[in-house]
Amino acid sequence: MKKSLIALAALTAFAGAASAQSSVTIFGIVDLAARSVSNGSAGSLKTLSPNGQSSSRLGFRGVEDLGGGMTAGFWLEGDLAADTGNATGMTWTRRATVSLNGGFGEVRMGRDYLPTFVNISTYDMFSYQGVSTISNLRNTFLASGGATTGVRANNTVSYFLPAMGGLYGQVTVAAGEAVQGNKHEGFRLGYAAGPFNVSAAYGKTDKFGTAIDDLKTVNFGGSYKLGFMTVQASYEKSDYSTTNQKLASAGVQVPVGAGTFKVNYIKASGSADTLSATLLGAGYVYDLSKRTSLGVGYGRVANGGNATLGAKYTASGNGPAGIKGGETSTGYDFSINHKF
């Protein structure tokens, strides 16, 4: 009996030591926006929509110390739609990865962000969300060819460089697994030091869509802190079949009171009139605390082309369908964002 108690105590102590070297974190963001979008002759629509300032999410991440400077980790993250309570159920399609980290860098596998998305979103003043973001011009073009690799990809294996001064980068490949359009290769390389950050990325999705052509995307961007304000700019070119899109953006953010004022200008051009548009966005985020903020946003998209050609771009996907070429889409929203 005494030996059993000693063995149990030893086992308990060992389990406690092992668990002390591991950690699991629950995290997330709940963000809702009262939004109004007017899409030319298609009319207007008022909604309560997720993702005003940033993407709503629920996630679990964990790290285990393997010793010798190595760690293992996992990351499961899914979308939240607080306006409906996620009526379709919770999934982990935002990110679902397992990884090994050490002096060699990081090897990560699973569903994850692609280098080209990380690069373009890094230099978007509005975190790729809301009525003022570059995604309102970018994602519409990528989706037109049936691409599902504009932001993330399934079945990825990535390698991330270890800390090397200000140099950072990654290489990512995604297995097609015999599904047309799932195979992807890409990389990102950048340098950050003090107030300066610059990076470039490239990605290719192999043969998909009715044209059975590759989708190729290259982009680069930079940011610089000029005392009281930060300036950012980016450029991207995507080619698919006989069409292409070019996106150029420039933005400024300035601290004002307890918050930040942001403004950006984005110009889209391409191989057809329907691919051309400009977006002017402005917004203000007021920080109530480190975790809670209020935001107001404005976005105005002026489409190229004419009514007979149709149009692709709006200030938000939450507006009414049917906007025509040459028409303007305008969006306003007020959002509450809470991080936990």
C-alpha atoms as a PDB file:
ATOM      1  CA  MET A   1       0.000   0.000   0.000  1.00  0.00           C
ATOM      2  CA  LYS A   2       2.807   2.325   0.966  1.00  0.00           C
ATOM      3  CA  LYS A   3       4.647   1.570  -2.293  1.00  0.00           C
ATOM      4  CA  SER A   4       1.461   2.223  -4.247  1.00  0.00           C
ATOM      5  CA  LEU A   5       1.056   5.624  -2.601  1.00  0.00           C
ATOM      6  CA  ILE A   6       4.673   6.477  -3.376  1.00  0.00           C
ATOM      7  CA  ALA A   7       4.222   5.426  -7.012  1.00  0.00           C
ATOM      8  CA  LEU A   8       1.011   7.452  -7.288  1.00  0.00           C
ATOM      9  CA  ALA A   9       2.711  10.500  -5.820  1.00  0.00           C
ATOM     10  CA  ALA A  10       5.616  10.132  -8.257  1.00  0.00           C
ATOM     11  CA  LEU A  11       3.225   9.792 -11.204  1.00  0.00           C
ATOM     12  CA  THR A  12       1.289  12.863 -10.081  1.00  0.00           C
ATOM     13  CA  ALA A  13       4.495  14.861  -9.752  1.00  0.00           C
ATOM     14  CA  PHE A  14       5.606  13.759 -13.238  1.00  0.00           C
ATOM     15  CA  ALA A  15       2.253  14.701 -14.769  1.00  0.00           C
ATOM     16  CA  GLY A  16       2.392  18.076 -13.058  1.00  0.00           C
ATOM     17  CA  ALA A  17       5.903  18.714 -14.383  1.00  0.00           C
ATOM     18  CA  ALA A  18       4.827  17.758 -17.909  1.00  0.00           C
ATOM     19  CA  SER A  19       1.753  19.974 -17.836  1.00  0.00           C
ATOM     20  CA  ALA A  20       3.829  22.869 -16.513  1.00  0.00           C
ATOM     21  CA  GLN A  21       5.750  22.789 -19.781  1.00  0.00           C
ATOM     22  CA  SER A  22       2.595  23.047 -21.875  1.00  0.00           C
ATOM     23  CA  SER A  23      -0.084  25.684 -22.300  1.00  0.00           C
ATOM     24  CA  VAL A  24      -3.452  25.955 -24.034  1.00  0.00           C
ATOM     25  CA  THR A  25      -5.096  29.319 -24.721  1.00  0.00           C
ATOM     26  CA  ILE A  26      -8.684  30.113 -25.663  1.00  0.00           C
ATOM     27  CA  PHE A  27      -8.918  33.342 -27.660  1.00  0.00           C
ATOM     28  CA  GLY A  28     -11.243  35.191 -29.964  1.00  0.00           C
ATOM     29  CA  ILE A  29     -12.880  38.346 -31.263  1.00  0.00           C
ATOM     30  CA  VAL A  30     -16.554  39.274 -31.380  1.00  0.00           C
ATOM     31  CA  ASP A  31     -17.146  42.106 -33.845  1.00  0.00           C
ATOM     32  CA  LEU A  32     -20.496  43.335 -35.145  1.00  0.00           C
ATOM     33  CA  ALA A  33     -21.289  46.284 -37.389  1.00  0.00           C
ATOM     34  CA  ALA A  34     -24.538  48.114 -38.076  1.00  0.00           C
ATOM     35  CA  ARG A  35     -24.075  48.669 -41.807  1.00  0.00           C
ATOM     36  CA  SER A  36     -25.793  50.461 -44.679  1.00  0.00           C
ATOM     37  CA  VAL A  37     -24.738  49.833 -48.282  1.00  0.00           C
ATOM     38  CA  SER A  38     -26.124  51.572 -51.372  1.00  0.00           C
ATOM     39  CA  ASN A  39     -25.297  49.927 -54.722  1.00  0.00           C
ATOM     40  CA  GLY A  40     -26.404  52.289 -57.479  1.00  0.00           C
ATOM     41  CA  SER A  41     -29.589  51.211 -59.290  1.00  0.00           C
ATOM     42  CA  ALA A  42     -29.659  47.981 -57.253  1.00  0.00           C
ATOM     43  CA  GLY A  43     -30.845  49.958 -54.226  1.00  0.00           C
ATOM     44  CA  SER A  44     -29.676  49.940 -50.618  1.00  0.00           C
ATOM     45  CA  LEU A  45     -29.663  47.494 -47.735  1.00  0.00           C
ATOM     46  CA  LYS A  46     -29.222  47.859 -43.986  1.00  0.00           C
ATOM     47  CA  THR A  47     -27.741  44.925 -42.062  1.00  0.00           C
ATOM     48  CA  LEU A  48     -26.189  43.859 -38.808  1.00  0.00           C
ATOM     49  CA  SER A  49     -23.049  42.167 -40.099  1.00  0.00           C
ATOM     50  CA  PRO A  50     -19.994  40.465 -38.609  1.00  0.00           C
ATOM     51  CA  ASN A  51     -16.519  41.885 -39.139  1.00  0.00           C
ATOM     52  CA  GLY A  52     -16.567  45.666 -38.990  1.00  0.00           C
ATOM     53  CA  GLN A  53     -13.073  46.301 -37.619  1.00  0.00           C
ATOM     54  CA  SER A  54     -11.656  42.766 -37.773  1.00  0.00           C
ATOM     55  CA  SER A  55     -12.785  39.194 -38.382  1.00  0.00           C
ATOM     56  CA  SER A  56     -14.848  37.614 -35.604  1.00  0.00           C
ATOM     57  CA  ARG A  57     -13.334  34.311 -34.482  1.00  0.00           C
ATOM     58  CA  LEU A  58     -13.019  31.644 -31.812  1.00  0.00           C
ATOM     59  CA  GLY A  59      -9.770  29.783 -31.408  1.00  0.00           C
ATOM     60  CA  PHE A  60      -7.681  27.380 -29.379  1.00  0.00           C
ATOM     61  CA  ARG A  61      -3.890  27.304 -29.507  1.00  0.00           C
ATOM     62  CA  GLY A  62      -1.370  25.330 -27.528  1.00  0.00           C
ATOM     63  CA  VAL A  63       2.380  24.959 -27.107  1.00  0.00           C
ATOM     64  CA  GLU A  64       4.416  22.101 -25.636  1.00  0.00           C
ATOM     65  CA  ASP A  65       8.057  22.466 -24.657  1.00  0.00           C
ATOM     66  CA  LEU A  66       9.958  19.524 -26.147  1.00  0.00           C
ATOM     67  CA  GLY A  67      13.300  20.526 -24.673  1.00  0.00           C
ATOM     68  CA  GLY A  68      16.487  21.503 -26.448  1.00  0.00           C
ATOM     69  CA  GLY A  69      14.911  24.716 -27.698  1.00  0.00           C
ATOM     70  CA  MET A  70      12.142  22.908 -29.582  1.00  0.00           C
ATOM     71  CA  THR A  71       8.392  23.309 -29.159  1.00  0.00           C
ATOM     72  CA  ALA A  72       5.333  21.712 -30.720  1.00  0.00           C
ATOM     73  CA  GLY A  73       2.098  23.594 -31.223  1.00  0.00           C
ATOM     74  CA  PHE A  74      -1.408  23.509 -32.605  1.00  0.00           C
ATOM     75  CA  TRP A  75      -3.843  26.218 -33.714  1.00  0.00           C
ATOM     76  CA  LEU A  76      -7.572  25.754 -34.342  1.00  0.00           C
ATOM     77  CA  GLU A  77      -9.514  28.866 -35.357  1.00  0.00           C
ATOM     78  CA  GLY A  78     -13.033  29.256 -36.739  1.00  0.00           C
ATOM     79  CA  ASP A  79     -15.360  32.022 -37.893  1.00  0.00           C
ATOM     80  CA  LEU A  80     -17.931  33.550 -35.573  1.00  0.00           C
ATOM     81  CA  ALA A  81     -21.113  35.175 -36.849  1.00  0.00           C
ATOM     82  CA  ALA A  82     -22.592  36.823 -33.769  1.00  0.00           C
ATOM     83  CA  ASP A  83     -25.502  38.275 -35.752  1.00  0.00           C
ATOM     84  CA  THR A  84     -26.939  34.754 -36.157  1.00  0.00           C
ATOM     85  CA  GLY A  85     -24.954  32.808 -33.563  1.00  0.00           C
ATOM     86  CA  ASN A  86     -23.307  30.751 -36.324  1.00  0.00           C
ATOM     87  CA  ALA A  87     -26.504  29.106 -37.510  1.00  0.00           C
ATOM     88  CA  THR A  88     -24.575  26.753 -39.804  1.00  0.00           C
ATOM     89  CA  GLY A  89     -22.374  25.488 -36.986  1.00  0.00           C
ATOM     90  CA  MET A  90     -18.763  25.972 -35.949  1.00  0.00           C
ATOM     91  CA  THR A  91     -15.951  24.967 -38.280  1.00  0.00           C
ATOM     92  CA  TRP A  92     -12.182  25.538 -38.131  1.00  0.00           C
ATOM     93  CA  THR A  93     -11.668  26.862 -41.654  1.00  0.00           C
ATOM     94  CA  ARG A  94      -9.884  30.052 -40.599  1.00  0.00           C
ATOM     95  CA  ARG A  95      -6.873  28.026 -39.491  1.00  0.00           C
ATOM     96  CA  ALA A  96      -6.224  24.427 -38.457  1.00  0.00           C
ATOM     97  CA  THR A  97      -2.497  23.676 -38.112  1.00  0.00           C
ATOM     98  CA  VAL A  98       0.102  21.711 -36.196  1.00  0.00           C
ATOM     99  CA  SER A  99       3.737  22.811 -36.071  1.00  0.00           C
ATOM    100  CA  LEU A 100       7.297  22.245 -34.857  1.00  0.00           C
ATOM    101  CA  ASN A 101       9.451  25.227 -33.829  1.00  0.00           C
ATOM    102  CA  GLY A 102      13.126  25.542 -33.032  1.00  0.00           C
ATOM    103  CA  GLY A 103      16.366  27.202 -33.962  1.00  0.00           C
ATOM    104  CA  PHE A 104      15.773  25.979 -37.503  1.00  0.00           C
ATOM    105  CA  GLY A 105      12.561  28.012 -37.800  1.00  0.00           C
ATOM    106  CA  GLU A 106       9.024  26.627 -37.990  1.00  0.00           C
ATOM    107  CA  VAL A 107       7.468  23.808 -39.985  1.00  0.00           C
ATOM    108  CA  ARG A 108       3.676  24.137 -40.100  1.00  0.00           C
ATOM    109  CA  MET A 109       1.040  21.864 -41.677  1.00  0.00           C
ATOM    110  CA  GLY A 110      -2.714  22.186 -42.228  1.00  0.00           C
ATOM    111  CA  ARG A 111      -5.191  24.769 -43.489  1.00  0.00           C
ATOM    112  CA  ASP A 112      -3.535  28.172 -43.299  1.00  0.00           C
ATOM    113  CA  TYR A 113      -3.121  31.642 -44.776  1.00  0.00           C
ATOM    114  CA  LEU A 114      -1.182  32.000 -48.020  1.00  0.00           C
ATOM    115  CA  PRO A 115       1.913  34.216 -48.359  1.00  0.00           C
ATOM    116  CA  THR A 116       0.282  36.542 -50.905  1.00  0.00           C
ATOM    117  CA  PHE A 117      -2.699  37.160 -48.614  1.00  0.00           C
ATOM    118  CA  VAL A 118      -0.532  37.791 -45.560  1.00  0.00           C
ATOM    119  CA  ASN A 119       1.505  40.259 -47.560  1.00  0.00           C
ATOM    120  CA  ILE A 120      -1.355  42.293 -49.030  1.00  0.00           C
ATOM    121  CA  SER A 121      -3.392  42.346 -45.800  1.00  0.00           C
ATOM    122  CA  THR A 122      -0.376  43.521 -43.771  1.00  0.00           C
ATOM    123  CA  TYR A 123      -0.508  46.842 -45.609  1.00  0.00           C
ATOM    124  CA  ASP A 124      -4.284  47.294 -45.494  1.00  0.00           C
ATOM    125  CA  MET A 125      -5.244  50.026 -43.024  1.00  0.00           C
ATOM    126  CA  PHE A 126      -8.569  48.318 -42.327  1.00  0.00           C
ATOM    127  CA  SER A 127      -7.383  44.768 -41.548  1.00  0.00           C
ATOM    128  CA  TYR A 128      -9.091  43.347 -44.651  1.00  0.00           C
ATOM    129  CA  GLN A 129     -12.573  44.021 -43.181  1.00  0.00           C
ATOM    130  CA  GLY A 130     -15.378  46.569 -43.417  1.00  0.00           C
ATOM    131  CA  VAL A 131     -16.512  49.020 -46.072  1.00  0.00           C
ATOM    132  CA  SER A 132     -13.080  50.634 -46.554  1.00  0.00           C
ATOM    133  CA  THR A 133     -10.831  47.623 -47.143  1.00  0.00           C
ATOM    134  CA  ILE A 134      -8.845  46.545 -50.194  1.00  0.00           C
ATOM    135  CA  SER A 135     -10.608  43.162 -50.082  1.00  0.00           C
ATOM    136  CA  ASN A 136     -13.726  44.779 -51.605  1.00  0.00           C
ATOM    137  CA  LEU A 137     -11.797  45.156 -54.871  1.00  0.00           C
ATOM    138  CA  ARG A 138      -9.431  42.181 -54.578  1.00  0.00           C
ATOM    139  CA  ASN A 139     -11.612  39.229 -53.631  1.00  0.00           C
ATOM    140  CA  THR A 140     -14.212  39.819 -56.334  1.00  0.00           C
ATOM    141  CA  PHE A 141     -11.647  39.358 -59.095  1.00  0.00           C
ATOM    142  CA  LEU A 142     -10.105  36.242 -57.537  1.00  0.00           C
ATOM    143  CA  ALA A 143     -13.512  34.641 -57.059  1.00  0.00           C
ATOM    144  CA  SER A 144     -14.516  35.350 -60.666  1.00  0.00           C
ATOM    145  CA  GLY A 145     -12.254  32.559 -61.879  1.00  0.00           C
ATOM    146  CA  GLY A 146     -13.445  30.186 -59.201  1.00  0.00           C
ATOM    147  CA  ALA A 147     -10.307  30.500 -57.082  1.00  0.00           C
ATOM    148  CA  THR A 148     -10.501  29.371 -53.462  1.00  0.00           C
ATOM    149  CA  THR A 149      -6.872  30.260 -52.780  1.00  0.00           C
ATOM    150  CA  GLY A 150      -7.067  34.041 -52.507  1.00  0.00           C
ATOM    151  CA  VAL A 151      -6.749  33.943 -48.713  1.00  0.00           C
ATOM    152  CA  ARG A 152      -6.136  30.381 -47.492  1.00  0.00           C
ATOM    153  CA  ALA A 153      -5.498  26.896 -48.814  1.00  0.00           C
ATOM    154  CA  ASN A 154      -6.105  23.361 -47.594  1.00  0.00           C
ATOM    155  CA  ASN A 155      -3.364  20.751 -47.198  1.00  0.00           C
ATOM    156  CA  THR A 156      -0.480  23.215 -46.828  1.00  0.00           C
ATOM    157  CA  VAL A 157       3.072  22.579 -45.673  1.00  0.00           C
ATOM    158  CA  SER A 158       4.979  25.760 -44.794  1.00  0.00           C
ATOM    159  CA  TYR A 159       8.448  26.642 -43.631  1.00  0.00           C
ATOM    160  CA  PHE A 160       9.090  29.916 -41.767  1.00  0.00           C
ATOM    161  CA  LEU A 161      12.547  31.396 -41.312  1.00  0.00           C
ATOM    162  CA  PRO A 162      13.924  31.669 -37.759  1.00  0.00           C
ATOM    163  CA  ALA A 163      14.731  35.077 -36.253  1.00  0.00           C
ATOM    164  CA  MET A 164      17.475  36.582 -38.432  1.00  0.00           C
ATOM    165  CA  GLY A 165      17.716  40.215 -37.466  1.00  0.00           C
ATOM    166  CA  GLY A 166      14.975  41.955 -39.378  1.00  0.00           C
ATOM    167  CA  LEU A 167      14.697  39.322 -42.112  1.00  0.00           C
ATOM    168  CA  TYR A 168      11.571  37.152 -42.243  1.00  0.00           C
ATOM    169  CA  GLY A 169       9.968  34.843 -44.772  1.00  0.00           C
ATOM    170  CA  GLN A 170       8.070  31.687 -45.571  1.00  0.00           C
ATOM    171  CA  VAL A 171       7.610  29.097 -48.307  1.00  0.00           C
ATOM    172  CA  THR A 172       4.248  27.333 -48.695  1.00  0.00           C
ATOM    173  CA  VAL A 173       3.044  24.454 -50.860  1.00  0.00           C
ATOM    174  CA  ALA A 174      -0.481  23.006 -50.901  1.00  0.00           C
ATOM    175  CA  ALA A 175      -1.205  19.529 -52.179  1.00  0.00           C
ATOM    176  CA  GLY A 176      -3.885  19.292 -54.854  1.00  0.00           C
ATOM    177  CA  GLU A 177      -4.974  15.805 -53.743  1.00  0.00           C
ATOM    178  CA  ALA A 178      -6.464  15.216 -57.213  1.00  0.00           C
ATOM    179  CA  VAL A 179      -8.835  18.211 -56.835  1.00  0.00           C
ATOM    180  CA  GLN A 180      -8.568  20.760 -59.642  1.00  0.00           C
ATOM    181  CA  GLY A 181      -7.480  24.174 -58.384  1.00  0.00           C
ATOM    182  CA  ASN A 182      -6.262  23.071 -54.942  1.00  0.00           C
ATOM    183  CA  LYS A 183      -2.562  22.840 -55.776  1.00  0.00           C
ATOM    184  CA  HIS A 184      -0.670  25.976 -54.786  1.00  0.00           C
ATOM    185  CA  GLU A 185       2.918  27.182 -54.332  1.00  0.00           C
ATOM    186  CA  GLY A 186       4.051  30.493 -52.893  1.00  0.00           C
ATOM    187  CA  PHE A 187       6.584  32.413 -50.837  1.00  0.00           C
ATOM    188  CA  ARG A 188       7.051  35.664 -48.931  1.00  0.00           C
ATOM    189  CA  LEU A 189      10.218  37.530 -47.992  1.00  0.00           C
ATOM    190  CA  GLY A 190      10.551  40.747 -46.030  1.00  0.00           C
ATOM    191  CA  TYR A 191      12.676  42.954 -43.806  1.00  0.00           C
ATOM    192  CA  ALA A 192      11.585  44.989 -40.792  1.00  0.00           C
ATOM    193  CA  ALA A 193      13.755  47.286 -38.678  1.00  0.00           C
ATOM    194  CA  GLY A 194      12.595  50.087 -36.407  1.00  0.00           C
ATOM    195  CA  PRO A 195       9.876  52.131 -38.140  1.00  0.00           C
ATOM    196  CA  PHE A 196      10.446  50.446 -41.516  1.00  0.00           C
ATOM    197  CA  ASN A 197       8.873  47.298 -42.992  1.00  0.00           C
ATOM    198  CA  VAL A 198       8.931  46.058 -46.589  1.00  0.00           C
ATOM    199  CA  SER A 199       8.056  42.687 -48.132  1.00  0.00           C
ATOM    200  CA  ALA A 200       7.121  40.877 -51.338  1.00  0.00           C
ATOM    201  CA  ALA A 201       5.214  37.670 -52.117  1.00  0.00           C
ATOM    202  CA  TYR A 202       4.360  35.364 -55.000  1.00  0.00           C
ATOM    203  CA  GLY A 203       1.759  32.630 -55.386  1.00  0.00           C
ATOM    204  CA  LYS A 204       0.516  30.263 -58.098  1.00  0.00           C
ATOM    205  CA  THR A 205      -2.599  28.113 -58.087  1.00  0.00           C
ATOM    206  CA  ASP A 206      -2.277  25.376 -60.680  1.00  0.00           C
ATOM    207  CA  LYS A 207      -4.833  24.840 -63.429  1.00  0.00           C
ATOM    208  CA  PHE A 208      -8.422  25.452 -62.370  1.00  0.00           C
ATOM    209  CA  GLY A 209     -11.663  26.851 -63.728  1.00  0.00           C
ATOM    210  CA  THR A 210     -13.145  26.435 -67.195  1.00  0.00           C
ATOM    211  CA  ALA A 211     -10.021  27.866 -68.828  1.00  0.00           C
ATOM    212  CA  ILE A 212      -7.771  25.326 -67.076  1.00  0.00           C
ATOM    213  CA  ASP A 213      -5.172  28.047 -66.537  1.00  0.00           C
ATOM    214  CA  ASP A 214      -2.905  28.947 -63.631  1.00  0.00           C
ATOM    215  CA  LEU A 215      -3.723  31.871 -61.362  1.00  0.00           C
ATOM    216  CA  LYS A 216      -0.536  33.819 -60.638  1.00  0.00           C
ATOM    217  CA  THR A 217      -0.286  36.620 -58.103  1.00  0.00           C
ATOM    218  CA  VAL A 218       2.649  38.822 -57.126  1.00  0.00           C
ATOM    219  CA  ASN A 219       2.514  41.669 -54.618  1.00  0.00           C
ATOM    220  CA  PHE A 220       4.732  43.874 -52.514  1.00  0.00           C
ATOM    221  CA  GLY A 221       4.243  46.579 -49.926  1.00  0.00           C
ATOM    222  CA  GLY A 222       5.830  48.733 -47.276  1.00  0.00           C
ATOM    223  CA  SER A 223       5.091  50.834 -44.214  1.00  0.00           C
ATOM    224  CA  TYR A 224       6.951  53.573 -42.375  1.00  0.00           C
ATOM    225  CA  LYS A 225       6.277  55.334 -39.090  1.00  0.00           C
ATOM    226  CA  LEU A 226       6.816  59.049 -39.536  1.00  0.00           C
ATOM    227  CA  GLY A 227       6.715  60.298 -35.978  1.00  0.00           C
ATOM    228  CA  PHE A 228       3.042  60.678 -35.117  1.00  0.00           C
ATOM    229  CA  MET A 229       1.669  58.894 -38.212  1.00  0.00           C
ATOM    230  CA  THR A 230       2.169  55.710 -40.234  1.00  0.00           C
ATOM    231  CA  VAL A 231       2.067  55.537 -44.027  1.00  0.00           C
ATOM    232  CA  GLN A 232       1.519  52.297 -45.982  1.00  0.00           C
ATOM    233  CA  ALA A 233       1.406  51.331 -49.640  1.00  0.00           C
ATOM    234  CA  SER A 234       1.055  48.144 -51.682  1.00  0.00           C
ATOM    235  CA  TYR A 235       0.838  46.860 -55.238  1.00  0.00           C
ATOM    236  CA  GLU A 236      -0.516  43.564 -56.572  1.00  0.00           C
ATOM    237  CA  LYS A 237      -0.936  41.984 -59.992  1.00  0.00           C
ATOM    238  CA  SER A 238      -2.976  38.829 -60.605  1.00  0.00           C
ATOM    239  CA  ASP A 239      -3.221  36.962 -63.912  1.00  0.00           C
ATOM    240  CA  TYR A 240      -5.782  34.329 -64.840  1.00  0.00           C
ATOM    241  CA  SER A 241      -6.401  33.088 -68.370  1.00  0.00           C
ATOM    242  CA  THR A 242      -6.820  36.171 -70.587  1.00  0.00           C
ATOM    243  CA  THR A 243      -7.676  38.508 -67.707  1.00  0.00           C
ATOM    244  CA  ASN A 244      -5.590  40.354 -65.162  1.00  0.00           C
ATOM    245  CA  GLN A 245      -6.051  42.773 -62.321  1.00  0.00           C
ATOM    246  CA  LYS A 246      -3.691  45.388 -60.891  1.00  0.00           C
ATOM    247  CA  LEU A 247      -4.263  46.880 -57.449  1.00  0.00           C
ATOM    248  CA  ALA A 248      -2.429  49.908 -56.063  1.00  0.00           C
ATOM    249  CA  SER A 249      -3.112  51.243 -52.574  1.00  0.00           C
ATOM    250  CA  ALA A 250      -1.868  54.002 -50.298  1.00  0.00           C
ATOM    251  CA  GLY A 251      -2.985  54.847 -46.786  1.00  0.00           C
ATOM    252  CA  VAL A 252      -2.270  56.870 -43.666  1.00  0.00           C
ATOM    253  CA  GLN A 253      -3.186  56.348 -40.032  1.00  0.00           C
ATOM    254  CA  VAL A 254      -2.881  59.036 -37.359  1.00  0.00           C
ATOM    255  CA  PRO A 255      -3.513  58.780 -33.597  1.00  0.00           C
ATOM    256  CA  VAL A 256      -6.321  61.134 -32.601  1.00  0.00           C
ATOM    257  CA  GLY A 257      -7.284  61.251 -28.939  1.00  0.00           C
ATOM    258  CA  ALA A 258      -7.835  57.758 -27.572  1.00  0.00           C
ATOM    259  CA  GLY A 259      -8.185  56.311 -31.052  1.00  0.00           C
ATOM    260  CA  THR A 260      -6.826  56.222 -34.577  1.00  0.00           C
ATOM    261  CA  PHE A 261      -7.996  57.924 -37.754  1.00  0.00           C
ATOM    262  CA  LYS A 262      -7.401  55.963 -40.989  1.00  0.00           C
ATOM    263  CA  VAL A 263      -7.763  56.802 -44.647  1.00  0.00           C
ATOM    264  CA  ASN A 264      -6.824  54.915 -47.804  1.00  0.00           C
ATOM    265  CA  TYR A 265      -7.148  55.098 -51.564  1.00  0.00           C
ATOM    266  CA  ILE A 266      -7.177  52.021 -53.792  1.00  0.00           C
ATOM    267  CA  LYS A 267      -7.177  51.831 -57.575  1.00  0.00           C
ATOM    268  CA  ALA A 268      -8.035  48.683 -59.518  1.00  0.00           C
ATOM    269  CA  SER A 269      -7.324  48.313 -63.218  1.00  0.00           C
ATOM    270  CA  GLY A 270      -7.301  45.350 -65.524  1.00  0.00           C
ATOM    271  CA  SER A 271      -7.686  43.798 -68.933  1.00  0.00           C
ATOM    272  CA  ALA A 272     -11.365  44.847 -69.143  1.00  0.00           C
ATOM    273  CA  ASP A 273     -13.354  47.952 -68.205  1.00  0.00           C
ATOM    274  CA  THR A 274     -15.373  45.958 -65.692  1.00  0.00           C
ATOM    275  CA  LEU A 275     -12.161  45.287 -63.736  1.00  0.00           C
ATOM    276  CA  SER A 276     -11.467  48.980 -63.141  1.00  0.00           C
ATOM    277  CA  ALA A 277     -12.606  50.838 -60.037  1.00  0.00           C
ATOM    278  CA  THR A 278     -11.432  53.184 -57.311  1.00  0.00           C
ATOM    279  CA  LEU A 279     -12.130  52.979 -53.592  1.00  0.00           C
ATOM    280  CA  LEU A 280     -11.849  55.817 -51.093  1.00  0.00           C
ATOM    281  CA  GLY A 281     -12.071  54.682 -47.493  1.00  0.00           C
ATOM    282  CA  ALA A 282     -11.963  56.450 -44.153  1.00  0.00           C
ATOM    283  CA  GLY A 283     -12.596  55.412 -40.580  1.00  0.00           C
ATOM    284  CA  TYR A 284     -11.967  56.070 -36.912  1.00  0.00           C
ATOM    285  CA  VAL A 285     -11.412  53.495 -34.167  1.00  0.00           C
ATOM    286  CA  TYR A 286     -11.861  54.631 -30.548  1.00  0.00           C
ATOM    287  CA  ASP A 287     -10.272  52.431 -27.893  1.00  0.00           C
ATOM    288  CA  LEU A 288     -12.445  52.053 -24.810  1.00  0.00           C
ATOM    289  CA  SER A 289      -9.807  49.692 -23.369  1.00  0.00           C
ATOM    290  CA  LYS A 290      -7.039  47.376 -24.571  1.00  0.00           C
ATOM    291  CA  ARG A 291      -9.671  44.822 -25.583  1.00  0.00           C
ATOM    292  CA  THR A 292     -12.756  46.839 -26.591  1.00  0.00           C
ATOM    293  CA  SER A 293     -13.134  49.477 -29.295  1.00  0.00           C
ATOM    294  CA  LEU A 294     -15.775  51.376 -31.238  1.00  0.00           C
ATOM    295  CA  GLY A 295     -15.400  52.043 -34.944  1.00  0.00           C
ATOM    296  CA  VAL A 296     -17.011  54.062 -37.705  1.00  0.00           C
ATOM    297  CA  GLY A 297     -16.242  53.483 -41.380  1.00  0.00           C
ATOM    298  CA  TYR A 298     -16.988  54.951 -44.791  1.00  0.00           C
ATOM    299  CA  GLY A 299     -16.234  53.480 -48.199  1.00  0.00           C
ATOM    300  CA  ARG A 300     -17.025  54.697 -51.705  1.00  0.00           C
ATOM    301  CA  VAL A 301     -16.403  52.513 -54.760  1.00  0.00           C
ATOM    302  CA  ALA A 302     -16.609  54.099 -58.219  1.00  0.00           C
ATOM    303  CA  ASN A 303     -16.905  51.401 -60.893  1.00  0.00           C
ATOM    304  CA  GLY A 304     -15.526  51.659 -64.389  1.00  0.00           C
ATOM    305  CA  GLY A 305     -17.253  50.449 -67.539  1.00  0.00           C
ATOM    306  CA  ASN A 306     -20.888  51.073 -68.403  1.00  0.00           C
ATOM    307  CA  ALA A 307     -24.263  49.524 -67.641  1.00  0.00           C
ATOM    308  CA  THR A 308     -24.112  47.151 -70.629  1.00  0.00           C
ATOM    309  CA  LEU A 309     -20.852  45.638 -69.377  1.00  0.00           C
ATOM    310  CA  GLY A 310     -21.927  45.078 -65.815  1.00  0.00           C
ATOM    311  CA  ALA A 311     -19.777  45.705 -62.744  1.00  0.00           C
ATOM    312  CA  LYS A 312     -18.023  43.675 -60.083  1.00  0.00           C
ATOM    313  CA  TYR A 313     -17.181  45.881 -57.120  1.00  0.00           C
ATOM    314  CA  THR A 314     -19.114  47.119 -54.092  1.00  0.00           C
ATOM    315  CA  ALA A 315     -18.244  48.658 -50.712  1.00  0.00           C
ATOM    316  CA  SER A 316     -19.398  45.459 -48.994  1.00  0.00           C
ATOM    317  CA  GLY A 317     -20.638  42.010 -49.878  1.00  0.00           C
ATOM    318  CA  ASN A 318     -23.576  42.671 -47.537  1.00  0.00           C
ATOM    319  CA  GLY A 319     -25.231  45.057 -49.988  1.00  0.00           C
ATOM    320  CA  PRO A 320     -27.884  44.286 -52.621  1.00  0.00           C
ATOM    321  CA  ALA A 321     -26.840  42.436 -55.785  1.00  0.00           C
ATOM    322  CA  GLY A 322     -27.117  43.855 -59.291  1.00  0.00           C
ATOM    323  CA  ILE A 323     -24.956  46.976 -59.384  1.00  0.00           C
ATOM    324  CA  LYS A 324     -24.093  48.028 -62.954  1.00  0.00           C
ATOM    325  CA  GLY A 325     -20.986  49.309 -64.659  1.00  0.00           C
ATOM    326  CA  GLY A 326     -20.225  52.982 -64.109  1.00  0.00           C
ATOM    327  CA  GLU A 327     -22.281  53.056 -60.906  1.00  0.00           C
ATOM    328  CA  THR A 328     -21.150  53.897 -57.391  1.00  0.00           C
ATOM    329  CA  SER A 329     -21.376  51.823 -54.236  1.00  0.00           C
ATOM    330  CA  THR A 330     -21.320  53.576 -50.865  1.00  0.00           C
ATOM    331  CA  GLY A 331     -21.091  51.965 -47.450  1.00  0.00           C
ATOM    332  CA  TYR A 332     -21.261  53.182 -43.860  1.00  0.00           C
ATOM    333  CA  ASP A 333     -20.910  51.193 -40.675  1.00  0.00           C
ATOM    334  CA  PHE A 334     -20.664  51.483 -36.891  1.00  0.00           C
ATOM    335  CA  SER A 335     -18.978  48.596 -35.108  1.00  0.00           C
ATOM    336  CA  ILE A 336     -18.191  47.243 -31.654  1.00  0.00           C
ATOM    337  CA  ASN A 337     -15.136  45.021 -31.339  1.00  0.00           C
ATOM    338  CA  HIS A 338     -14.200  42.967 -28.266  1.00  0.00           C
ATOM    339  CA  LYS A 339     -11.131  40.727 -27.992  1.00  0.00           C
ATOM    340  CA  PHE A 340     -10.731  37.965 -25.433  1.00  0.00           C
END
